[in-house]
Amino acid sequence: MGSMNSVPTDEALADRWWIINVGGYCRSDKINILQNHLLPRALKNCGIEPTSVSFPQGSAGYLISKVCRSGDKGVRTLEKTIKDLVNKLNFIQIHQNENGELPFKTSFQLNYKLTFPLLLKTELLDKLIEESDLEIKMSMMYI
């Protein structure tokens, strides 16, 4: 069993594979994957209780529209974005003072104290995920 992006051009190799074409994920699939798999895994990896952060369906759809290109059928870009988002949340939570200020300048300053449990709304997503971050991710993905 294996996976590939295209059928091998070498006939000797192509003849040995039983090929099953599988379509990509639709928007609702990506929302489900984000909420039930990507977010809990990223939170666990940062030592944050998975129930501490929730991603409403509207915000999840907004994030997918923001980070996934129209022809993007997979979830690699979404997974990278979720990891970055959770890392930023963890960083802010650890380093913020009582007023929510960070002791150094970052590209993702919030004007309030971040506390858990947290409901991820579109306004917070816009502050933590900048367009320049997305362009860098897309260019680095296939190097």
N, C-alpha and C. Protein backbone atom coordinates (compact mmCIF):
# COMPACT_ATOMS: atom_id res chain seq x y z
N MET A 1 0.85 -1.16 0.00
CA MET A 1 0.00 0.00 0.00
C MET A 1 0.90 1.23 0.00
N GLY A 2 0.53 2.21 -0.74
CA GLY A 2 1.29 3.45 -0.81
C GLY A 2 0.39 4.57 -1.27
N SER A 3 0.95 5.75 -1.27
CA SER A 3 0.20 6.89 -1.79
C SER A 3 1.11 7.68 -2.72
N MET A 4 0.51 8.35 -3.66
CA MET A 4 1.30 9.12 -4.63
C MET A 4 0.43 10.24 -5.19
N ASN A 5 1.10 11.25 -5.69
CA ASN A 5 0.38 12.37 -6.28
C ASN A 5 0.02 12.12 -7.73
N SER A 6 0.79 11.26 -8.39
CA SER A 6 0.48 10.94 -9.79
C SER A 6 0.92 9.50 -10.07
N VAL A 7 0.37 8.93 -11.11
CA VAL A 7 0.70 7.56 -11.51
C VAL A 7 2.13 7.54 -12.02
N PRO A 8 2.93 6.55 -11.63
CA PRO A 8 4.31 6.47 -12.11
C PRO A 8 4.37 6.39 -13.64
N THR A 9 5.34 7.06 -14.22
CA THR A 9 5.48 7.04 -15.68
C THR A 9 6.15 5.75 -16.16
N ASP A 10 6.89 5.10 -15.31
CA ASP A 10 7.54 3.84 -15.64
C ASP A 10 6.47 2.74 -15.68
N GLU A 11 6.24 2.16 -16.85
CA GLU A 11 5.18 1.15 -17.00
C GLU A 11 5.39 -0.07 -16.12
N ALA A 12 6.64 -0.48 -15.94
CA ALA A 12 6.92 -1.65 -15.10
C ALA A 12 6.46 -1.40 -13.66
N LEU A 13 6.65 -0.19 -13.19
CA LEU A 13 6.21 0.15 -11.84
C LEU A 13 4.70 0.39 -11.79
N ALA A 14 4.18 1.08 -12.79
CA ALA A 14 2.75 1.39 -12.82
C ALA A 14 1.90 0.12 -12.90
N ASP A 15 2.38 -0.91 -13.59
CA ASP A 15 1.64 -2.16 -13.72
C ASP A 15 1.50 -2.92 -12.40
N ARG A 16 2.37 -2.66 -11.46
CA ARG A 16 2.36 -3.38 -10.19
C ARG A 16 1.45 -2.74 -9.14
N TRP A 17 0.88 -1.61 -9.45
CA TRP A 17 0.02 -0.89 -8.50
C TRP A 17 -1.44 -1.09 -8.86
N TRP A 18 -2.26 -1.29 -7.88
CA TRP A 18 -3.71 -1.18 -8.05
C TRP A 18 -4.01 0.23 -7.64
N ILE A 19 -4.50 1.00 -8.56
CA ILE A 19 -4.66 2.43 -8.31
C ILE A 19 -6.11 2.76 -7.99
N ILE A 20 -6.27 3.43 -6.87
CA ILE A 20 -7.58 3.92 -6.43
C ILE A 20 -7.46 5.43 -6.30
N ASN A 21 -8.23 6.15 -7.08
CA ASN A 21 -8.22 7.61 -7.01
C ASN A 21 -9.13 8.07 -5.87
N VAL A 22 -8.58 8.89 -5.01
CA VAL A 22 -9.31 9.40 -3.86
C VAL A 22 -9.36 10.91 -3.98
N GLY A 23 -10.54 11.47 -3.89
CA GLY A 23 -10.69 12.92 -3.98
C GLY A 23 -10.18 13.61 -2.73
N GLY A 24 -10.02 14.91 -2.82
CA GLY A 24 -9.56 15.70 -1.69
C GLY A 24 -10.68 15.98 -0.70
N TYR A 25 -10.34 16.71 0.34
CA TYR A 25 -11.32 17.05 1.37
C TYR A 25 -12.13 18.27 0.95
N CYS A 26 -13.41 18.23 1.24
CA CYS A 26 -14.26 19.40 1.01
C CYS A 26 -14.19 20.29 2.26
N ARG A 27 -14.82 21.44 2.20
CA ARG A 27 -14.79 22.41 3.30
C ARG A 27 -15.31 21.81 4.61
N SER A 28 -16.42 21.11 4.56
CA SER A 28 -16.98 20.53 5.80
C SER A 28 -16.06 19.45 6.37
N ASP A 29 -15.39 18.69 5.49
CA ASP A 29 -14.41 17.70 5.96
C ASP A 29 -13.28 18.40 6.69
N LYS A 30 -12.80 19.50 6.12
CA LYS A 30 -11.69 20.23 6.73
C LYS A 30 -12.08 20.82 8.09
N ILE A 31 -13.30 21.31 8.20
CA ILE A 31 -13.78 21.83 9.49
C ILE A 31 -13.78 20.71 10.52
N ASN A 32 -14.30 19.56 10.14
CA ASN A 32 -14.33 18.39 11.03
C ASN A 32 -12.92 17.97 11.43
N ILE A 33 -12.01 17.90 10.47
CA ILE A 33 -10.63 17.51 10.75
C ILE A 33 -9.97 18.53 11.68
N LEU A 34 -10.20 19.81 11.42
CA LEU A 34 -9.63 20.86 12.26
C LEU A 34 -10.11 20.73 13.71
N GLN A 35 -11.42 20.64 13.89
CA GLN A 35 -12.00 20.62 15.24
C GLN A 35 -11.72 19.33 16.00
N ASN A 36 -11.73 18.21 15.32
CA ASN A 36 -11.64 16.92 16.00
C ASN A 36 -10.25 16.29 16.01
N HIS A 37 -9.35 16.78 15.17
CA HIS A 37 -8.04 16.14 15.08
C HIS A 37 -6.88 17.13 15.19
N LEU A 38 -6.83 18.12 14.28
CA LEU A 38 -5.68 19.02 14.24
C LEU A 38 -5.56 19.87 15.50
N LEU A 39 -6.65 20.50 15.92
CA LEU A 39 -6.60 21.36 17.10
C LEU A 39 -6.30 20.57 18.38
N PRO A 40 -7.01 19.47 18.67
CA PRO A 40 -6.67 18.72 19.89
C PRO A 40 -5.22 18.22 19.91
N ARG A 41 -4.71 17.78 18.76
CA ARG A 41 -3.33 17.28 18.70
C ARG A 41 -2.34 18.41 18.96
N ALA A 42 -2.56 19.58 18.35
CA ALA A 42 -1.66 20.72 18.54
C ALA A 42 -1.69 21.20 19.99
N LEU A 43 -2.87 21.22 20.59
CA LEU A 43 -2.99 21.63 22.00
C LEU A 43 -2.26 20.64 22.90
N LYS A 44 -2.44 19.37 22.66
CA LYS A 44 -1.78 18.34 23.46
C LYS A 44 -0.27 18.47 23.35
N ASN A 45 0.23 18.72 22.14
CA ASN A 45 1.67 18.86 21.93
C ASN A 45 2.26 20.06 22.67
N CYS A 46 1.45 21.07 22.94
CA CYS A 46 1.91 22.25 23.69
C CYS A 46 1.61 22.14 25.18
N GLY A 47 1.04 21.03 25.59
CA GLY A 47 0.73 20.84 27.00
C GLY A 47 -0.50 21.60 27.46
N ILE A 48 -1.37 21.93 26.53
CA ILE A 48 -2.61 22.63 26.84
C ILE A 48 -3.75 21.61 26.81
N GLU A 49 -4.59 21.67 27.80
CA GLU A 49 -5.74 20.76 27.86
C GLU A 49 -6.60 20.93 26.60
N PRO A 50 -6.90 19.86 25.88
CA PRO A 50 -7.67 19.98 24.63
C PRO A 50 -9.02 20.67 24.77
N THR A 51 -9.61 20.63 25.95
CA THR A 51 -10.90 21.30 26.13
C THR A 51 -10.75 22.78 26.46
N SER A 52 -9.51 23.27 26.57
CA SER A 52 -9.26 24.67 26.93
C SER A 52 -9.49 25.65 25.79
N VAL A 53 -9.47 25.16 24.57
CA VAL A 53 -9.65 26.02 23.40
C VAL A 53 -10.72 25.41 22.52
N SER A 54 -11.71 26.21 22.16
CA SER A 54 -12.74 25.72 21.24
C SER A 54 -12.77 26.58 19.99
N PHE A 55 -13.11 25.93 18.91
CA PHE A 55 -13.10 26.55 17.59
C PHE A 55 -14.51 26.46 17.02
N PRO A 56 -15.34 27.51 17.17
CA PRO A 56 -16.69 27.45 16.61
C PRO A 56 -16.66 27.19 15.10
N GLN A 57 -17.70 26.61 14.60
CA GLN A 57 -17.74 26.25 13.19
C GLN A 57 -17.54 27.47 12.27
N GLY A 58 -18.12 28.60 12.64
CA GLY A 58 -17.96 29.81 11.83
C GLY A 58 -16.52 30.27 11.76
N SER A 59 -15.83 30.24 12.89
CA SER A 59 -14.42 30.63 12.92
C SER A 59 -13.56 29.61 12.18
N ALA A 60 -13.89 28.34 12.31
CA ALA A 60 -13.15 27.30 11.60
C ALA A 60 -13.29 27.49 10.09
N GLY A 61 -14.49 27.76 9.63
CA GLY A 61 -14.71 28.02 8.21
C GLY A 61 -13.98 29.26 7.74
N TYR A 62 -13.97 30.29 8.58
CA TYR A 62 -13.26 31.53 8.26
C TYR A 62 -11.76 31.25 8.09
N LEU A 63 -11.18 30.50 9.03
CA LEU A 63 -9.76 30.18 8.95
C LEU A 63 -9.45 29.38 7.69
N ILE A 64 -10.27 28.42 7.38
CA ILE A 64 -10.06 27.60 6.18
C ILE A 64 -10.11 28.48 4.94
N SER A 65 -11.06 29.40 4.87
CA SER A 65 -11.13 30.31 3.72
C SER A 65 -9.90 31.19 3.64
N LYS A 66 -9.35 31.54 4.79
CA LYS A 66 -8.20 32.44 4.84
C LYS A 66 -6.90 31.75 4.45
N VAL A 67 -6.72 30.50 4.85
CA VAL A 67 -5.41 29.86 4.66
C VAL A 67 -5.36 28.83 3.53
N CYS A 68 -6.47 28.29 3.11
CA CYS A 68 -6.47 27.26 2.08
C CYS A 68 -6.81 27.86 0.73
N ARG A 69 -5.98 27.58 -0.24
CA ARG A 69 -6.26 28.03 -1.60
C ARG A 69 -7.45 27.25 -2.15
N SER A 70 -8.07 27.78 -3.18
CA SER A 70 -9.29 27.15 -3.71
C SER A 70 -9.05 25.73 -4.22
N GLY A 71 -7.90 25.45 -4.79
CA GLY A 71 -7.62 24.12 -5.30
C GLY A 71 -6.95 23.20 -4.29
N ASP A 72 -6.75 23.68 -3.08
CA ASP A 72 -6.07 22.92 -2.04
C ASP A 72 -7.02 21.87 -1.46
N LYS A 73 -6.80 20.61 -1.79
CA LYS A 73 -7.69 19.54 -1.34
C LYS A 73 -7.22 18.86 -0.07
N GLY A 74 -5.97 19.11 0.34
CA GLY A 74 -5.42 18.49 1.54
C GLY A 74 -5.50 19.40 2.75
N VAL A 75 -4.82 19.00 3.82
CA VAL A 75 -4.86 19.77 5.07
C VAL A 75 -3.47 20.15 5.58
N ARG A 76 -2.43 20.03 4.76
CA ARG A 76 -1.08 20.38 5.21
C ARG A 76 -0.98 21.83 5.64
N THR A 77 -1.47 22.74 4.81
CA THR A 77 -1.41 24.16 5.13
C THR A 77 -2.22 24.45 6.39
N LEU A 78 -3.37 23.87 6.49
CA LEU A 78 -4.23 24.05 7.66
C LEU A 78 -3.55 23.52 8.92
N GLU A 79 -2.93 22.36 8.81
CA GLU A 79 -2.23 21.78 9.96
C GLU A 79 -1.09 22.68 10.43
N LYS A 80 -0.30 23.19 9.50
CA LYS A 80 0.81 24.10 9.83
C LYS A 80 0.28 25.36 10.50
N THR A 81 -0.81 25.91 9.99
CA THR A 81 -1.40 27.12 10.55
C THR A 81 -1.91 26.87 11.96
N ILE A 82 -2.56 25.74 12.20
CA ILE A 82 -3.06 25.40 13.53
C ILE A 82 -1.90 25.26 14.52
N LYS A 83 -0.82 24.60 14.10
CA LYS A 83 0.35 24.46 14.98
C LYS A 83 0.90 25.84 15.34
N ASP A 84 1.03 26.72 14.35
CA ASP A 84 1.53 28.07 14.61
C ASP A 84 0.60 28.84 15.53
N LEU A 85 -0.69 28.71 15.30
CA LEU A 85 -1.69 29.41 16.12
C LEU A 85 -1.60 28.95 17.57
N VAL A 86 -1.56 27.66 17.80
CA VAL A 86 -1.50 27.12 19.16
C VAL A 86 -0.17 27.50 19.83
N ASN A 87 0.92 27.48 19.07
CA ASN A 87 2.21 27.91 19.63
C ASN A 87 2.16 29.37 20.06
N LYS A 88 1.51 30.22 19.28
CA LYS A 88 1.38 31.62 19.65
C LYS A 88 0.51 31.78 20.89
N LEU A 89 -0.59 31.05 20.96
CA LEU A 89 -1.45 31.10 22.15
C LEU A 89 -0.67 30.67 23.39
N ASN A 90 0.10 29.61 23.27
CA ASN A 90 0.90 29.12 24.38
C ASN A 90 1.96 30.15 24.78
N PHE A 91 2.61 30.74 23.81
CA PHE A 91 3.64 31.76 24.05
C PHE A 91 3.05 32.95 24.80
N ILE A 92 1.90 33.42 24.33
CA ILE A 92 1.25 34.56 24.98
C ILE A 92 0.86 34.19 26.40
N GLN A 93 0.26 33.04 26.58
CA GLN A 93 -0.19 32.59 27.90
C GLN A 93 0.98 32.53 28.89
N ILE A 94 2.12 32.05 28.44
CA ILE A 94 3.28 31.90 29.31
C ILE A 94 3.93 33.24 29.64
N HIS A 95 4.04 34.14 28.66
CA HIS A 95 4.84 35.35 28.81
C HIS A 95 4.06 36.61 29.17
N GLN A 96 2.76 36.60 29.09
CA GLN A 96 2.00 37.83 29.36
C GLN A 96 2.01 38.16 30.86
N ASN A 97 1.91 39.46 31.16
CA ASN A 97 1.79 39.87 32.56
C ASN A 97 0.32 39.93 32.95
N GLU A 98 0.03 40.49 34.11
CA GLU A 98 -1.35 40.54 34.61
C GLU A 98 -2.28 41.34 33.71
N ASN A 99 -1.70 42.28 32.94
CA ASN A 99 -2.51 43.12 32.05
C ASN A 99 -2.58 42.57 30.63
N GLY A 100 -1.94 41.44 30.40
CA GLY A 100 -1.94 40.84 29.07
C GLY A 100 -0.84 41.37 28.17
N GLU A 101 0.09 42.15 28.72
CA GLU A 101 1.19 42.71 27.92
C GLU A 101 2.35 41.73 27.89
N LEU A 102 3.02 41.70 26.76
CA LEU A 102 4.21 40.87 26.62
C LEU A 102 5.44 41.72 26.90
N PRO A 103 6.50 41.15 27.48
CA PRO A 103 7.68 41.94 27.83
C PRO A 103 8.56 42.32 26.64
N PHE A 104 8.19 41.90 25.45
CA PHE A 104 8.94 42.24 24.25
C PHE A 104 7.98 42.38 23.09
N LYS A 105 8.47 42.98 22.02
CA LYS A 105 7.62 43.25 20.86
C LYS A 105 7.48 42.00 20.01
N THR A 106 6.26 41.71 19.61
CA THR A 106 5.98 40.59 18.71
C THR A 106 5.04 41.09 17.61
N SER A 107 4.87 40.29 16.61
CA SER A 107 3.96 40.66 15.51
C SER A 107 2.50 40.37 15.85
N PHE A 108 2.27 39.78 17.01
CA PHE A 108 0.90 39.37 17.36
C PHE A 108 0.52 39.87 18.75
N GLN A 109 0.62 41.17 18.96
CA GLN A 109 0.26 41.78 20.24
C GLN A 109 -1.26 41.77 20.43
N LEU A 110 -1.68 41.41 21.61
CA LEU A 110 -3.09 41.52 21.98
C LEU A 110 -3.20 42.65 22.99
N ASN A 111 -4.33 43.28 23.08
CA ASN A 111 -4.52 44.37 24.02
C ASN A 111 -5.31 43.93 25.25
N TYR A 112 -5.27 42.64 25.54
CA TYR A 112 -5.99 42.10 26.69
C TYR A 112 -5.32 40.82 27.15
N LYS A 113 -5.64 40.40 28.36
CA LYS A 113 -5.06 39.18 28.91
C LYS A 113 -5.76 37.97 28.31
N LEU A 114 -4.97 37.08 27.80
CA LEU A 114 -5.48 35.84 27.21
C LEU A 114 -5.67 34.81 28.32
N THR A 115 -6.87 34.29 28.43
CA THR A 115 -7.15 33.29 29.47
C THR A 115 -7.85 32.08 28.85
N PHE A 116 -7.66 30.95 29.49
CA PHE A 116 -8.33 29.73 29.09
C PHE A 116 -9.43 29.43 30.08
N PRO A 117 -10.55 28.87 29.68
CA PRO A 117 -10.89 28.39 28.34
C PRO A 117 -11.06 29.56 27.37
N LEU A 118 -10.73 29.28 26.12
CA LEU A 118 -10.70 30.30 25.09
C LEU A 118 -11.58 29.89 23.92
N LEU A 119 -12.38 30.82 23.46
CA LEU A 119 -13.20 30.63 22.26
C LEU A 119 -12.51 31.39 21.14
N LEU A 120 -12.05 30.69 20.12
CA LEU A 120 -11.33 31.34 19.02
C LEU A 120 -12.31 32.02 18.08
N LYS A 121 -12.30 33.34 18.10
CA LYS A 121 -13.17 34.13 17.24
C LYS A 121 -12.35 34.68 16.08
N THR A 122 -13.03 35.14 15.06
CA THR A 122 -12.35 35.63 13.86
C THR A 122 -11.43 36.80 14.16
N GLU A 123 -11.80 37.68 15.09
CA GLU A 123 -10.96 38.83 15.43
C GLU A 123 -9.61 38.38 15.97
N LEU A 124 -9.62 37.37 16.82
CA LEU A 124 -8.37 36.85 17.38
C LEU A 124 -7.55 36.16 16.30
N LEU A 125 -8.21 35.43 15.42
CA LEU A 125 -7.51 34.77 14.32
C LEU A 125 -6.80 35.80 13.44
N ASP A 126 -7.48 36.92 13.16
CA ASP A 126 -6.87 37.97 12.34
C ASP A 126 -5.64 38.57 13.01
N LYS A 127 -5.64 38.67 14.33
CA LYS A 127 -4.49 39.23 15.04
C LYS A 127 -3.32 38.25 15.07
N LEU A 128 -3.61 36.98 15.15
CA LEU A 128 -2.56 35.99 15.31
C LEU A 128 -2.04 35.41 14.00
N ILE A 129 -2.84 35.49 12.95
CA ILE A 129 -2.43 34.93 11.66
C ILE A 129 -2.43 36.06 10.64
N GLU A 130 -1.24 36.49 10.27
CA GLU A 130 -1.11 37.59 9.32
C GLU A 130 -0.96 37.03 7.91
N GLU A 131 -1.30 37.85 6.95
CA GLU A 131 -1.19 37.43 5.54
C GLU A 131 0.25 37.08 5.18
N SER A 132 1.23 37.81 5.72
CA SER A 132 2.63 37.53 5.40
C SER A 132 3.03 36.14 5.90
N ASP A 133 2.48 35.72 7.06
CA ASP A 133 2.74 34.37 7.57
C ASP A 133 2.28 33.32 6.56
N LEU A 134 1.13 33.57 5.96
CA LEU A 134 0.56 32.60 5.02
C LEU A 134 1.41 32.49 3.77
N GLU A 135 1.90 33.61 3.26
CA GLU A 135 2.72 33.59 2.05
C GLU A 135 4.01 32.83 2.29
N ILE A 136 4.61 33.02 3.46
CA ILE A 136 5.85 32.31 3.79
C ILE A 136 5.58 30.82 3.87
N LYS A 137 4.49 30.42 4.50
CA LYS A 137 4.15 29.00 4.63
C LYS A 137 3.98 28.36 3.26
N MET A 138 3.28 29.05 2.39
CA MET A 138 3.02 28.49 1.07
C MET A 138 4.32 28.34 0.28
N SER A 139 5.22 29.30 0.39
CA SER A 139 6.45 29.23 -0.38
C SER A 139 7.41 28.19 0.19
N MET A 140 7.35 27.92 1.49
CA MET A 140 8.27 26.98 2.12
C MET A 140 7.77 25.54 2.08
N MET A 141 6.52 25.35 1.76
CA MET A 141 5.92 24.03 1.86
C MET A 141 6.57 23.01 0.93
N TYR A 142 6.98 23.41 -0.23
CA TYR A 142 7.46 22.44 -1.22
C TYR A 142 8.94 22.60 -1.54
N ILE A 143 9.69 23.16 -0.63
CA ILE A 143 11.14 23.30 -0.87
C ILE A 143 11.82 22.00 -0.55
